[in-house]
Structures are given as structure tokens and as C-alpha cells.
Amino acid sequence: MPQFNLADYEEVKDRIPKFYERYPEGRIITRVAWIAEDASRIIIEASLYASPEDQQMKLALATGLAEETQGVGMVNKTAHVENCETSAIGRAIYNSPLAEPGKPRPSREEMEKVARSEKRTKKDVNLEASEDYYERLEKARKAFFAHARDVGIESNIAKELAKEVAGGKDSFNDLNIDDLRLAYKALDSAAASGWGED
């Protein structure tokens, strides 16, 4: 069970009016920073501008990033893109001068995501801990590196590509089977575009 109270966290819908109250001519701009080939995972960046002039000069007051996966949680079954945008806006506003001392940085939407992850079933956990899962993970890694060799991409460059495709994970070893599937598909287009070459 979550060790926090969702009632202690602000919703993004309550943060947005505070932004426009402080910056009546402000702009909230969002963009897709990364999206999986099948659109099942997405990263959105939100940028805040105090005025149209600041936006034109690209002088962001603050930025925020968020990531969501389709189908994880009730909202994400039908609206993971919208949910991701909302979370990104919430983080950007908290990163701005509007942040109130003593108030939690994450929005309620972000903490709901934490709560969802803590409610994974025992079946999910047992699957990840099973020998079968790790055997399949190792096969996926071998297939990924074999394909990288086939398309002429060195293994260290392939690892960096895989981490980027997986949403910027710190270590290649953190990638799961789904991450490796996406990275495998990305190798062909990366080779064609000369990705990672000086």
C-alpha cells in the first residue's frame, strides 16, 4: 500500500490558474519529446513562458518532463497521451517561481502513478522474478546485439540507442524485454540515418 496520502498533493488543474494569475500573458507550450513506434509509451515536455515575447525569444521560465505508458492504470487505458501532458505541465509549474515552499513537488497525478505501480499483482512480480523471464530477457539482448552487428552498428553505440529509445534510462541493464523490442525495431532506421556517427 502507498505510504503517502494523495490528499496532500495538488492537482495540476489547481496549479494552472496560479500560473495565469501570476503571468496573465503567459504561455504553456507542450511538445512530444519522444514516442514509441507503436505510441504505447510517450515522453512530453512542457515549457512555461511569462509572455509571448519570452516565447518568441525561447526564454522559458521553467520546463517539465513526464512519461506515461498506455494501459497502465485506468486513465492510461484511453488517455495516456493527455495524462502525460498534464503531468508535464504540473512539473513545469512546480519548477517555476510559483513553487510554494513546503508543498510536495510531485502533482497528485504523478503520485497516482506511483500508487498504480505499487499495486502490481503478485503474478506480475513473480513473472519478473522467474527464471523464464530472465531467460527471455537474455535472448532479447542477444537478438538485439546480433541485429546491431547485421546492420553495422557497434555494440556501445547500440546500447546508447537502446537507452534513448527506452526513455533515457541510465543503464542498458535496466532495459526490459519491451524496451529491447522497441530498440531492435529502431536499429534499422538508426543505421540508415547514420545515428551515432561523428
N, C-alpha and C. Protein backbone atom coordinates (compact mmCIF):
# COMPACT_ATOMS: atom_id res chain seq x y z
N MET A 1 0.84 -1.20 0.00
CA MET A 1 0.00 0.00 0.00
C MET A 1 0.88 1.25 0.00
N PRO A 2 0.41 2.33 -0.67
CA PRO A 2 1.21 3.55 -0.71
C PRO A 2 1.45 4.13 0.67
N GLN A 3 2.65 4.65 0.91
CA GLN A 3 3.00 5.25 2.19
C GLN A 3 2.84 6.77 2.13
N PHE A 4 1.81 7.25 1.43
CA PHE A 4 1.57 8.68 1.32
C PHE A 4 0.08 8.90 1.15
N ASN A 5 -0.34 10.14 1.38
CA ASN A 5 -1.75 10.50 1.27
C ASN A 5 -1.94 11.37 0.04
N LEU A 6 -2.73 10.90 -0.94
CA LEU A 6 -2.94 11.65 -2.17
C LEU A 6 -3.54 13.03 -1.91
N ALA A 7 -4.27 13.16 -0.81
CA ALA A 7 -4.90 14.44 -0.49
C ALA A 7 -3.87 15.54 -0.20
N ASP A 8 -2.62 15.13 0.09
CA ASP A 8 -1.57 16.11 0.38
C ASP A 8 -0.98 16.74 -0.88
N TYR A 9 -1.36 16.24 -2.05
CA TYR A 9 -0.75 16.67 -3.29
C TYR A 9 -1.74 17.47 -4.14
N GLU A 10 -1.22 18.56 -4.75
CA GLU A 10 -2.05 19.41 -5.61
C GLU A 10 -2.34 18.72 -6.93
N GLU A 11 -3.53 18.96 -7.46
CA GLU A 11 -3.81 18.53 -8.82
C GLU A 11 -3.30 19.59 -9.79
N VAL A 12 -2.94 19.17 -10.98
CA VAL A 12 -2.42 20.11 -11.98
C VAL A 12 -3.46 21.18 -12.30
N LYS A 13 -4.74 20.80 -12.34
CA LYS A 13 -5.80 21.77 -12.65
C LYS A 13 -5.83 22.91 -11.63
N ASP A 14 -5.28 22.67 -10.43
CA ASP A 14 -5.22 23.75 -9.44
C ASP A 14 -3.95 24.58 -9.58
N ARG A 15 -2.94 24.02 -10.24
CA ARG A 15 -1.69 24.76 -10.43
C ARG A 15 -1.79 25.72 -11.62
N ILE A 16 -2.52 25.33 -12.65
CA ILE A 16 -2.58 26.14 -13.87
C ILE A 16 -3.15 27.54 -13.62
N PRO A 17 -4.27 27.70 -12.88
CA PRO A 17 -4.78 29.06 -12.63
C PRO A 17 -3.78 29.95 -11.90
N LYS A 18 -2.96 29.35 -11.03
CA LYS A 18 -1.95 30.13 -10.31
C LYS A 18 -0.91 30.69 -11.28
N PHE A 19 -0.60 29.89 -12.30
CA PHE A 19 0.36 30.35 -13.29
C PHE A 19 -0.20 31.56 -14.05
N TYR A 20 -1.44 31.46 -14.52
CA TYR A 20 -2.03 32.56 -15.29
C TYR A 20 -2.35 33.77 -14.42
N GLU A 21 -2.56 33.55 -13.13
CA GLU A 21 -2.78 34.69 -12.23
C GLU A 21 -1.50 35.50 -12.11
N ARG A 22 -0.36 34.81 -12.01
CA ARG A 22 0.93 35.50 -11.89
C ARG A 22 1.39 36.05 -13.23
N TYR A 23 1.12 35.30 -14.31
CA TYR A 23 1.57 35.68 -15.65
C TYR A 23 0.35 35.72 -16.59
N PRO A 24 -0.41 36.81 -16.57
CA PRO A 24 -1.65 36.88 -17.37
C PRO A 24 -1.42 36.68 -18.86
N GLU A 25 -0.23 37.03 -19.35
CA GLU A 25 0.06 36.83 -20.77
C GLU A 25 0.95 35.60 -20.99
N GLY A 26 1.02 34.77 -19.99
CA GLY A 26 1.88 33.60 -20.06
C GLY A 26 1.42 32.57 -21.08
N ARG A 27 2.31 31.68 -21.42
CA ARG A 27 2.03 30.60 -22.37
C ARG A 27 2.50 29.27 -21.78
N ILE A 28 1.68 28.25 -21.94
CA ILE A 28 2.07 26.89 -21.59
C ILE A 28 2.15 26.11 -22.89
N ILE A 29 3.35 25.70 -23.27
CA ILE A 29 3.57 25.02 -24.54
C ILE A 29 4.07 23.60 -24.26
N THR A 30 3.46 22.62 -24.93
CA THR A 30 3.91 21.23 -24.76
C THR A 30 4.37 20.67 -26.10
N ARG A 31 5.26 19.70 -26.01
CA ARG A 31 5.72 19.01 -27.22
C ARG A 31 6.06 17.57 -26.87
N VAL A 32 5.94 16.71 -27.85
CA VAL A 32 6.32 15.30 -27.67
C VAL A 32 7.84 15.22 -27.78
N ALA A 33 8.49 14.84 -26.68
CA ALA A 33 9.95 14.72 -26.67
C ALA A 33 10.39 13.38 -27.23
N TRP A 34 9.56 12.35 -27.02
CA TRP A 34 9.85 11.01 -27.54
C TRP A 34 8.56 10.20 -27.51
N ILE A 35 8.39 9.35 -28.52
CA ILE A 35 7.23 8.47 -28.54
C ILE A 35 7.64 7.14 -29.15
N ALA A 36 7.17 6.05 -28.56
CA ALA A 36 7.47 4.72 -29.08
C ALA A 36 6.85 4.55 -30.47
N GLU A 37 7.42 3.66 -31.24
CA GLU A 37 6.93 3.43 -32.60
C GLU A 37 5.45 3.07 -32.63
N ASP A 38 5.01 2.31 -31.62
CA ASP A 38 3.59 1.93 -31.58
C ASP A 38 2.77 2.89 -30.71
N ALA A 39 3.40 3.98 -30.29
CA ALA A 39 2.75 5.03 -29.48
C ALA A 39 2.30 4.55 -28.11
N SER A 40 2.81 3.42 -27.66
CA SER A 40 2.39 2.90 -26.35
C SER A 40 3.08 3.61 -25.19
N ARG A 41 4.22 4.23 -25.44
CA ARG A 41 4.93 4.99 -24.42
C ARG A 41 5.28 6.36 -24.99
N ILE A 42 5.21 7.36 -24.14
CA ILE A 42 5.44 8.72 -24.62
C ILE A 42 6.09 9.56 -23.52
N ILE A 43 6.94 10.50 -23.95
CA ILE A 43 7.53 11.49 -23.05
C ILE A 43 7.14 12.86 -23.61
N ILE A 44 6.58 13.69 -22.76
CA ILE A 44 6.16 15.03 -23.16
C ILE A 44 6.90 16.06 -22.32
N GLU A 45 7.34 17.13 -22.99
CA GLU A 45 7.98 18.25 -22.31
C GLU A 45 7.03 19.44 -22.33
N ALA A 46 6.87 20.08 -21.18
CA ALA A 46 6.08 21.30 -21.08
C ALA A 46 7.03 22.46 -20.79
N SER A 47 6.80 23.58 -21.46
CA SER A 47 7.61 24.79 -21.25
C SER A 47 6.68 25.94 -20.88
N LEU A 48 7.08 26.72 -19.89
CA LEU A 48 6.31 27.88 -19.45
C LEU A 48 7.02 29.15 -19.88
N TYR A 49 6.23 30.09 -20.41
CA TYR A 49 6.77 31.39 -20.81
C TYR A 49 5.95 32.48 -20.12
N ALA A 50 6.62 33.47 -19.60
CA ALA A 50 5.94 34.54 -18.88
C ALA A 50 5.17 35.47 -19.81
N SER A 51 5.56 35.48 -21.10
CA SER A 51 4.91 36.39 -22.07
C SER A 51 5.14 35.85 -23.47
N PRO A 52 4.36 36.35 -24.44
CA PRO A 52 4.59 35.95 -25.83
C PRO A 52 5.99 36.31 -26.31
N GLU A 53 6.52 37.44 -25.82
CA GLU A 53 7.86 37.86 -26.22
C GLU A 53 8.91 36.84 -25.73
N ASP A 54 8.74 36.38 -24.49
CA ASP A 54 9.66 35.37 -23.96
C ASP A 54 9.59 34.09 -24.78
N GLN A 55 8.38 33.72 -25.20
CA GLN A 55 8.22 32.53 -26.02
C GLN A 55 8.95 32.70 -27.36
N GLN A 56 8.80 33.88 -27.96
CA GLN A 56 9.43 34.15 -29.24
C GLN A 56 10.96 34.08 -29.12
N MET A 57 11.47 34.55 -27.98
CA MET A 57 12.92 34.52 -27.76
C MET A 57 13.38 33.20 -27.15
N LYS A 58 12.43 32.28 -26.93
CA LYS A 58 12.72 30.97 -26.35
C LYS A 58 13.34 31.08 -24.96
N LEU A 59 12.83 32.03 -24.16
CA LEU A 59 13.29 32.21 -22.79
C LEU A 59 12.28 31.57 -21.85
N ALA A 60 12.38 30.28 -21.68
CA ALA A 60 11.43 29.55 -20.85
C ALA A 60 11.61 29.90 -19.38
N LEU A 61 10.50 30.10 -18.71
CA LEU A 61 10.51 30.34 -17.28
C LEU A 61 10.87 29.06 -16.54
N ALA A 62 10.35 27.94 -17.05
CA ALA A 62 10.62 26.63 -16.47
C ALA A 62 10.16 25.57 -17.46
N THR A 63 10.68 24.35 -17.29
CA THR A 63 10.26 23.21 -18.11
C THR A 63 9.96 22.03 -17.20
N GLY A 64 9.26 21.04 -17.75
CA GLY A 64 8.97 19.82 -17.00
C GLY A 64 8.77 18.66 -17.96
N LEU A 65 9.21 17.47 -17.56
CA LEU A 65 9.06 16.26 -18.37
C LEU A 65 8.18 15.25 -17.66
N ALA A 66 7.46 14.45 -18.44
CA ALA A 66 6.67 13.36 -17.88
C ALA A 66 6.65 12.21 -18.87
N GLU A 67 6.47 10.99 -18.34
CA GLU A 67 6.40 9.79 -19.17
C GLU A 67 5.20 8.97 -18.75
N GLU A 68 4.50 8.40 -19.72
CA GLU A 68 3.37 7.52 -19.44
C GLU A 68 3.40 6.33 -20.39
N THR A 69 2.78 5.23 -19.93
CA THR A 69 2.68 4.01 -20.73
C THR A 69 1.21 3.66 -20.91
N GLN A 70 0.83 3.40 -22.13
CA GLN A 70 -0.56 3.07 -22.43
C GLN A 70 -0.99 1.82 -21.68
N GLY A 71 -2.19 1.88 -21.08
CA GLY A 71 -2.77 0.71 -20.43
C GLY A 71 -2.37 0.52 -18.99
N VAL A 72 -1.43 1.32 -18.47
CA VAL A 72 -1.01 1.20 -17.07
C VAL A 72 -1.85 2.16 -16.25
N GLY A 73 -2.86 1.64 -15.57
CA GLY A 73 -3.80 2.47 -14.82
C GLY A 73 -5.04 2.77 -15.63
N MET A 74 -6.11 3.14 -14.94
CA MET A 74 -7.40 3.36 -15.61
C MET A 74 -7.34 4.48 -16.64
N VAL A 75 -6.77 5.62 -16.27
CA VAL A 75 -6.72 6.76 -17.19
C VAL A 75 -5.94 6.42 -18.45
N ASN A 76 -4.84 5.69 -18.28
CA ASN A 76 -3.97 5.41 -19.41
C ASN A 76 -4.51 4.36 -20.37
N LYS A 77 -5.63 3.75 -20.03
CA LYS A 77 -6.24 2.81 -20.98
C LYS A 77 -6.76 3.54 -22.20
N THR A 78 -7.20 4.78 -22.00
CA THR A 78 -7.78 5.54 -23.12
C THR A 78 -7.12 6.90 -23.34
N ALA A 79 -6.34 7.39 -22.38
CA ALA A 79 -5.84 8.77 -22.49
C ALA A 79 -4.43 8.92 -21.93
N HIS A 80 -3.52 8.01 -22.30
CA HIS A 80 -2.17 8.12 -21.73
C HIS A 80 -1.42 9.35 -22.25
N VAL A 81 -1.72 9.78 -23.48
CA VAL A 81 -1.06 10.97 -24.03
C VAL A 81 -1.51 12.22 -23.27
N GLU A 82 -2.82 12.35 -23.08
CA GLU A 82 -3.36 13.51 -22.36
C GLU A 82 -2.87 13.53 -20.92
N ASN A 83 -2.83 12.35 -20.31
CA ASN A 83 -2.37 12.24 -18.92
C ASN A 83 -0.90 12.65 -18.81
N CYS A 84 -0.11 12.25 -19.80
CA CYS A 84 1.31 12.59 -19.80
C CYS A 84 1.49 14.10 -19.93
N GLU A 85 0.71 14.72 -20.80
CA GLU A 85 0.80 16.18 -20.98
C GLU A 85 0.46 16.90 -19.68
N THR A 86 -0.59 16.45 -19.01
CA THR A 86 -0.99 17.06 -17.74
C THR A 86 0.13 16.98 -16.72
N SER A 87 0.75 15.80 -16.60
CA SER A 87 1.84 15.64 -15.63
C SER A 87 3.03 16.53 -15.97
N ALA A 88 3.34 16.66 -17.26
CA ALA A 88 4.47 17.51 -17.66
C ALA A 88 4.20 18.97 -17.29
N ILE A 89 2.96 19.41 -17.50
CA ILE A 89 2.61 20.79 -17.14
C ILE A 89 2.73 20.99 -15.63
N GLY A 90 2.26 20.02 -14.87
CA GLY A 90 2.35 20.12 -13.41
C GLY A 90 3.78 20.25 -12.93
N ARG A 91 4.71 19.48 -13.53
CA ARG A 91 6.11 19.55 -13.13
C ARG A 91 6.72 20.90 -13.53
N ALA A 92 6.36 21.37 -14.72
CA ALA A 92 6.91 22.66 -15.17
C ALA A 92 6.49 23.78 -14.23
N ILE A 93 5.22 23.76 -13.83
CA ILE A 93 4.74 24.82 -12.93
C ILE A 93 5.45 24.73 -11.59
N TYR A 94 5.67 23.52 -11.10
CA TYR A 94 6.37 23.41 -9.82
C TYR A 94 7.83 23.85 -9.96
N ASN A 95 8.42 23.67 -11.14
CA ASN A 95 9.80 24.09 -11.35
C ASN A 95 9.94 25.61 -11.52
N SER A 96 8.81 26.29 -11.63
CA SER A 96 8.81 27.74 -11.84
C SER A 96 8.85 28.49 -10.51
N PRO A 97 8.91 29.82 -10.55
CA PRO A 97 8.88 30.60 -9.30
C PRO A 97 7.56 30.46 -8.52
N LEU A 98 6.58 29.77 -9.09
CA LEU A 98 5.31 29.59 -8.40
C LEU A 98 5.35 28.51 -7.32
N ALA A 99 6.42 27.75 -7.29
CA ALA A 99 6.51 26.66 -6.31
C ALA A 99 6.39 27.22 -4.90
N GLU A 100 5.54 26.58 -4.11
CA GLU A 100 5.32 27.03 -2.74
C GLU A 100 6.17 26.21 -1.78
N PRO A 101 7.00 26.88 -0.96
CA PRO A 101 7.85 26.16 -0.01
C PRO A 101 7.00 25.24 0.88
N GLY A 102 7.49 24.04 1.07
CA GLY A 102 6.80 23.10 1.95
C GLY A 102 5.77 22.24 1.25
N LYS A 103 5.39 22.62 0.04
CA LYS A 103 4.41 21.81 -0.70
C LYS A 103 5.16 20.76 -1.51
N PRO A 104 4.61 19.55 -1.61
CA PRO A 104 5.31 18.48 -2.35
C PRO A 104 5.52 18.86 -3.81
N ARG A 105 6.67 18.47 -4.35
CA ARG A 105 6.98 18.76 -5.75
C ARG A 105 6.06 18.00 -6.70
N PRO A 106 5.86 16.69 -6.53
CA PRO A 106 5.02 15.97 -7.49
C PRO A 106 3.56 16.43 -7.40
N SER A 107 2.87 16.35 -8.52
CA SER A 107 1.43 16.62 -8.52
C SER A 107 0.69 15.37 -8.07
N ARG A 108 -0.58 15.53 -7.81
CA ARG A 108 -1.39 14.36 -7.42
C ARG A 108 -1.39 13.32 -8.53
N GLU A 109 -1.41 13.79 -9.80
CA GLU A 109 -1.40 12.86 -10.93
C GLU A 109 -0.14 11.99 -10.92
N GLU A 110 1.00 12.61 -10.58
CA GLU A 110 2.25 11.84 -10.53
C GLU A 110 2.22 10.82 -9.40
N MET A 111 1.67 11.22 -8.26
CA MET A 111 1.63 10.30 -7.12
C MET A 111 0.62 9.17 -7.36
N GLU A 112 -0.40 9.44 -8.15
CA GLU A 112 -1.32 8.37 -8.52
C GLU A 112 -0.60 7.32 -9.36
N LYS A 113 0.35 7.79 -10.18
CA LYS A 113 1.14 6.84 -10.97
C LYS A 113 2.00 5.97 -10.04
N VAL A 114 2.56 6.58 -9.00
CA VAL A 114 3.33 5.81 -8.02
C VAL A 114 2.43 4.77 -7.35
N ALA A 115 1.23 5.19 -7.00
CA ALA A 115 0.29 4.27 -6.35
C ALA A 115 -0.05 3.11 -7.28
N ARG A 116 -0.21 3.40 -8.58
CA ARG A 116 -0.52 2.34 -9.54
C ARG A 116 0.61 1.32 -9.59
N SER A 117 1.85 1.83 -9.60
CA SER A 117 2.99 0.91 -9.71
C SER A 117 3.11 0.04 -8.46
N GLU A 118 2.68 0.55 -7.30
CA GLU A 118 2.77 -0.22 -6.07
C GLU A 118 1.67 -1.26 -5.97
N LYS A 119 0.68 -1.16 -6.86
CA LYS A 119 -0.44 -2.12 -6.81
C LYS A 119 -0.26 -3.26 -7.80
N ARG A 120 0.96 -3.44 -8.31
CA ARG A 120 1.18 -4.55 -9.22
C ARG A 120 0.83 -5.86 -8.53
N THR A 121 0.25 -6.76 -9.25
CA THR A 121 -0.17 -8.03 -8.66
C THR A 121 1.04 -8.92 -8.38
N LYS A 122 0.86 -9.89 -7.51
CA LYS A 122 1.91 -10.85 -7.22
C LYS A 122 2.30 -11.61 -8.48
N LYS A 123 1.32 -11.82 -9.35
CA LYS A 123 1.60 -12.51 -10.61
C LYS A 123 2.62 -11.75 -11.43
N ASP A 124 2.48 -10.42 -11.49
CA ASP A 124 3.43 -9.59 -12.24
C ASP A 124 4.83 -9.71 -11.64
N VAL A 125 4.90 -9.60 -10.31
CA VAL A 125 6.19 -9.66 -9.64
C VAL A 125 6.83 -11.03 -9.83
N ASN A 126 6.02 -12.09 -9.69
CA ASN A 126 6.55 -13.44 -9.84
C ASN A 126 7.05 -13.69 -11.25
N LEU A 127 6.36 -13.11 -12.24
CA LEU A 127 6.80 -13.28 -13.62
C LEU A 127 8.17 -12.66 -13.82
N GLU A 128 8.37 -11.45 -13.29
CA GLU A 128 9.65 -10.78 -13.46
C GLU A 128 10.76 -11.51 -12.72
N ALA A 129 10.41 -12.18 -11.63
CA ALA A 129 11.42 -12.86 -10.83
C ALA A 129 11.68 -14.28 -11.32
N SER A 130 10.89 -14.77 -12.24
CA SER A 130 11.01 -16.16 -12.67
C SER A 130 12.22 -16.34 -13.57
N GLU A 131 12.75 -17.56 -13.59
CA GLU A 131 13.88 -17.88 -14.46
C GLU A 131 13.48 -17.70 -15.92
N ASP A 132 12.22 -18.02 -16.22
CA ASP A 132 11.75 -17.91 -17.59
C ASP A 132 11.86 -16.47 -18.09
N TYR A 133 11.51 -15.52 -17.25
CA TYR A 133 11.59 -14.11 -17.65
C TYR A 133 13.03 -13.73 -17.97
N TYR A 134 13.96 -14.11 -17.11
CA TYR A 134 15.35 -13.74 -17.31
C TYR A 134 15.96 -14.46 -18.52
N GLU A 135 15.49 -15.68 -18.79
CA GLU A 135 15.95 -16.38 -19.99
C GLU A 135 15.49 -15.63 -21.24
N ARG A 136 14.24 -15.18 -21.23
CA ARG A 136 13.72 -14.44 -22.38
C ARG A 136 14.41 -13.08 -22.52
N LEU A 137 14.72 -12.46 -21.37
CA LEU A 137 15.42 -11.18 -21.39
C LEU A 137 16.80 -11.34 -22.02
N GLU A 138 17.51 -12.41 -21.65
CA GLU A 138 18.84 -12.65 -22.20
C GLU A 138 18.77 -12.93 -23.70
N LYS A 139 17.74 -13.67 -24.12
CA LYS A 139 17.57 -13.93 -25.55
C LYS A 139 17.30 -12.64 -26.30
N ALA A 140 16.50 -11.75 -25.69
CA ALA A 140 16.20 -10.47 -26.33
C ALA A 140 17.46 -9.62 -26.46
N ARG A 141 18.33 -9.64 -25.44
CA ARG A 141 19.59 -8.89 -25.52
C ARG A 141 20.49 -9.43 -26.63
N LYS A 142 20.58 -10.78 -26.71
CA LYS A 142 21.43 -11.38 -27.74
C LYS A 142 20.90 -11.06 -29.13
N ALA A 143 19.58 -11.13 -29.29
CA ALA A 143 18.97 -10.82 -30.59
C ALA A 143 19.22 -9.36 -30.97
N PHE A 144 19.15 -8.49 -29.98
CA PHE A 144 19.38 -7.06 -30.23
C PHE A 144 20.80 -6.82 -30.72
N PHE A 145 21.80 -7.40 -30.04
CA PHE A 145 23.18 -7.18 -30.43
C PHE A 145 23.51 -7.85 -31.77
N ALA A 146 22.89 -9.01 -32.02
CA ALA A 146 23.10 -9.69 -33.30
C ALA A 146 22.57 -8.83 -34.45
N HIS A 147 21.42 -8.22 -34.23
CA HIS A 147 20.83 -7.37 -35.27
C HIS A 147 21.66 -6.10 -35.45
N ALA A 148 22.19 -5.58 -34.34
CA ALA A 148 23.05 -4.40 -34.43
C ALA A 148 24.27 -4.71 -35.31
N ARG A 149 24.86 -5.88 -35.12
CA ARG A 149 26.01 -6.28 -35.95
C ARG A 149 25.59 -6.39 -37.42
N ASP A 150 24.40 -6.97 -37.64
CA ASP A 150 23.92 -7.16 -39.02
C ASP A 150 23.75 -5.84 -39.76
N VAL A 151 23.33 -4.80 -39.04
CA VAL A 151 23.11 -3.50 -39.71
C VAL A 151 24.32 -2.57 -39.58
N GLY A 152 25.40 -3.09 -38.98
CA GLY A 152 26.64 -2.32 -38.94
C GLY A 152 26.75 -1.28 -37.84
N ILE A 153 26.07 -1.53 -36.71
CA ILE A 153 26.15 -0.60 -35.58
C ILE A 153 26.95 -1.25 -34.46
N GLU A 154 27.99 -0.57 -33.98
CA GLU A 154 28.82 -1.10 -32.90
C GLU A 154 28.00 -1.26 -31.63
N SER A 155 28.40 -2.22 -30.80
CA SER A 155 27.61 -2.56 -29.62
C SER A 155 27.47 -1.40 -28.64
N ASN A 156 28.54 -0.61 -28.45
CA ASN A 156 28.44 0.51 -27.50
C ASN A 156 27.49 1.58 -28.01
N ILE A 157 27.47 1.80 -29.33
CA ILE A 157 26.53 2.77 -29.91
C ILE A 157 25.12 2.22 -29.84
N ALA A 158 24.98 0.91 -30.08
CA ALA A 158 23.66 0.27 -29.99
C ALA A 158 23.08 0.39 -28.59
N LYS A 159 23.93 0.27 -27.58
CA LYS A 159 23.47 0.41 -26.19
C LYS A 159 22.93 1.81 -25.94
N GLU A 160 23.65 2.81 -26.44
CA GLU A 160 23.20 4.20 -26.25
C GLU A 160 21.86 4.43 -26.95
N LEU A 161 21.72 3.88 -28.14
CA LEU A 161 20.46 3.99 -28.88
C LEU A 161 19.33 3.35 -28.07
N ALA A 162 19.59 2.16 -27.54
CA ALA A 162 18.56 1.44 -26.79
C ALA A 162 18.12 2.22 -25.56
N LYS A 163 19.08 2.82 -24.85
CA LYS A 163 18.74 3.61 -23.66
C LYS A 163 17.90 4.82 -24.04
N GLU A 164 18.23 5.44 -25.17
CA GLU A 164 17.47 6.61 -25.61
C GLU A 164 16.05 6.22 -26.01
N VAL A 165 15.93 5.12 -26.75
CA VAL A 165 14.61 4.64 -27.18
C VAL A 165 13.76 4.27 -25.97
N ALA A 166 14.40 3.78 -24.92
CA ALA A 166 13.68 3.37 -23.71
C ALA A 166 13.37 4.54 -22.80
N GLY A 167 13.52 5.75 -23.29
CA GLY A 167 13.15 6.91 -22.50
C GLY A 167 14.28 7.50 -21.68
N GLY A 168 15.52 7.20 -22.08
CA GLY A 168 16.67 7.79 -21.39
C GLY A 168 17.06 7.08 -20.12
N LYS A 169 16.92 5.77 -20.09
CA LYS A 169 17.33 5.02 -18.90
C LYS A 169 18.83 5.12 -18.69
N ASP A 170 19.25 5.07 -17.43
CA ASP A 170 20.65 5.30 -17.08
C ASP A 170 21.56 4.15 -17.53
N SER A 171 21.04 2.94 -17.46
CA SER A 171 21.88 1.77 -17.76
C SER A 171 21.18 0.85 -18.74
N PHE A 172 21.96 0.27 -19.65
CA PHE A 172 21.40 -0.70 -20.59
C PHE A 172 20.80 -1.89 -19.85
N ASN A 173 21.40 -2.24 -18.71
CA ASN A 173 20.90 -3.38 -17.93
C ASN A 173 19.53 -3.13 -17.31
N ASP A 174 19.08 -1.85 -17.31
CA ASP A 174 17.75 -1.54 -16.78
C ASP A 174 16.64 -1.80 -17.80
N LEU A 175 17.03 -2.07 -19.05
CA LEU A 175 16.03 -2.26 -20.09
C LEU A 175 15.30 -3.59 -19.92
N ASN A 176 13.99 -3.56 -20.08
CA ASN A 176 13.22 -4.80 -20.02
C ASN A 176 12.98 -5.33 -21.43
N ILE A 177 12.22 -6.41 -21.55
CA ILE A 177 12.01 -7.04 -22.86
C ILE A 177 11.30 -6.09 -23.82
N ASP A 178 10.30 -5.37 -23.34
CA ASP A 178 9.58 -4.43 -24.21
C ASP A 178 10.50 -3.33 -24.71
N ASP A 179 11.39 -2.83 -23.83
CA ASP A 179 12.36 -1.81 -24.25
C ASP A 179 13.24 -2.34 -25.37
N LEU A 180 13.69 -3.59 -25.22
CA LEU A 180 14.58 -4.18 -26.20
C LEU A 180 13.87 -4.41 -27.53
N ARG A 181 12.59 -4.74 -27.47
CA ARG A 181 11.82 -4.91 -28.72
C ARG A 181 11.79 -3.58 -29.49
N LEU A 182 11.52 -2.50 -28.76
CA LEU A 182 11.47 -1.18 -29.40
C LEU A 182 12.85 -0.80 -29.96
N ALA A 183 13.89 -1.08 -29.18
CA ALA A 183 15.25 -0.74 -29.62
C ALA A 183 15.65 -1.57 -30.85
N TYR A 184 15.24 -2.83 -30.86
CA TYR A 184 15.51 -3.72 -32.00
C TYR A 184 14.93 -3.11 -33.28
N LYS A 185 13.67 -2.65 -33.18
CA LYS A 185 13.00 -2.06 -34.35
C LYS A 185 13.67 -0.77 -34.78
N ALA A 186 14.26 -0.06 -33.82
CA ALA A 186 14.88 1.24 -34.13
C ALA A 186 16.24 1.10 -34.80
N LEU A 187 16.84 -0.08 -34.74
CA LEU A 187 18.19 -0.25 -35.28
C LEU A 187 18.25 0.02 -36.79
N ASP A 188 17.25 -0.46 -37.53
CA ASP A 188 17.28 -0.30 -38.99
C ASP A 188 17.27 1.17 -39.40
N SER A 189 16.34 1.93 -38.80
CA SER A 189 16.26 3.35 -39.16
C SER A 189 17.50 4.09 -38.66
N ALA A 190 18.04 3.67 -37.52
CA ALA A 190 19.25 4.31 -36.99
C ALA A 190 20.42 4.07 -37.93
N ALA A 191 20.54 2.84 -38.44
CA ALA A 191 21.63 2.53 -39.36
C ALA A 191 21.48 3.32 -40.66
N ALA A 192 20.26 3.45 -41.14
CA ALA A 192 20.02 4.17 -42.39
C ALA A 192 20.34 5.66 -42.26
N SER A 193 20.11 6.21 -41.05
CA SER A 193 20.34 7.64 -40.86
C SER A 193 21.75 7.96 -40.36
N GLY A 194 22.55 6.90 -40.09
CA GLY A 194 23.90 7.14 -39.59
C GLY A 194 23.91 7.56 -38.14
N TRP A 195 22.93 7.13 -37.36
CA TRP A 195 22.80 7.53 -35.95
C TRP A 195 24.07 7.16 -35.19
N GLY A 196 24.56 8.10 -34.39
CA GLY A 196 25.71 7.85 -33.53
C GLY A 196 27.05 8.04 -34.21
N GLU A 197 27.05 8.35 -35.51
CA GLU A 197 28.31 8.58 -36.20
C GLU A 197 28.75 10.04 -36.01
N ASP A 198 30.02 10.24 -35.97
CA ASP A 198 30.57 11.61 -35.82
C ASP A 198 30.33 12.39 -37.10
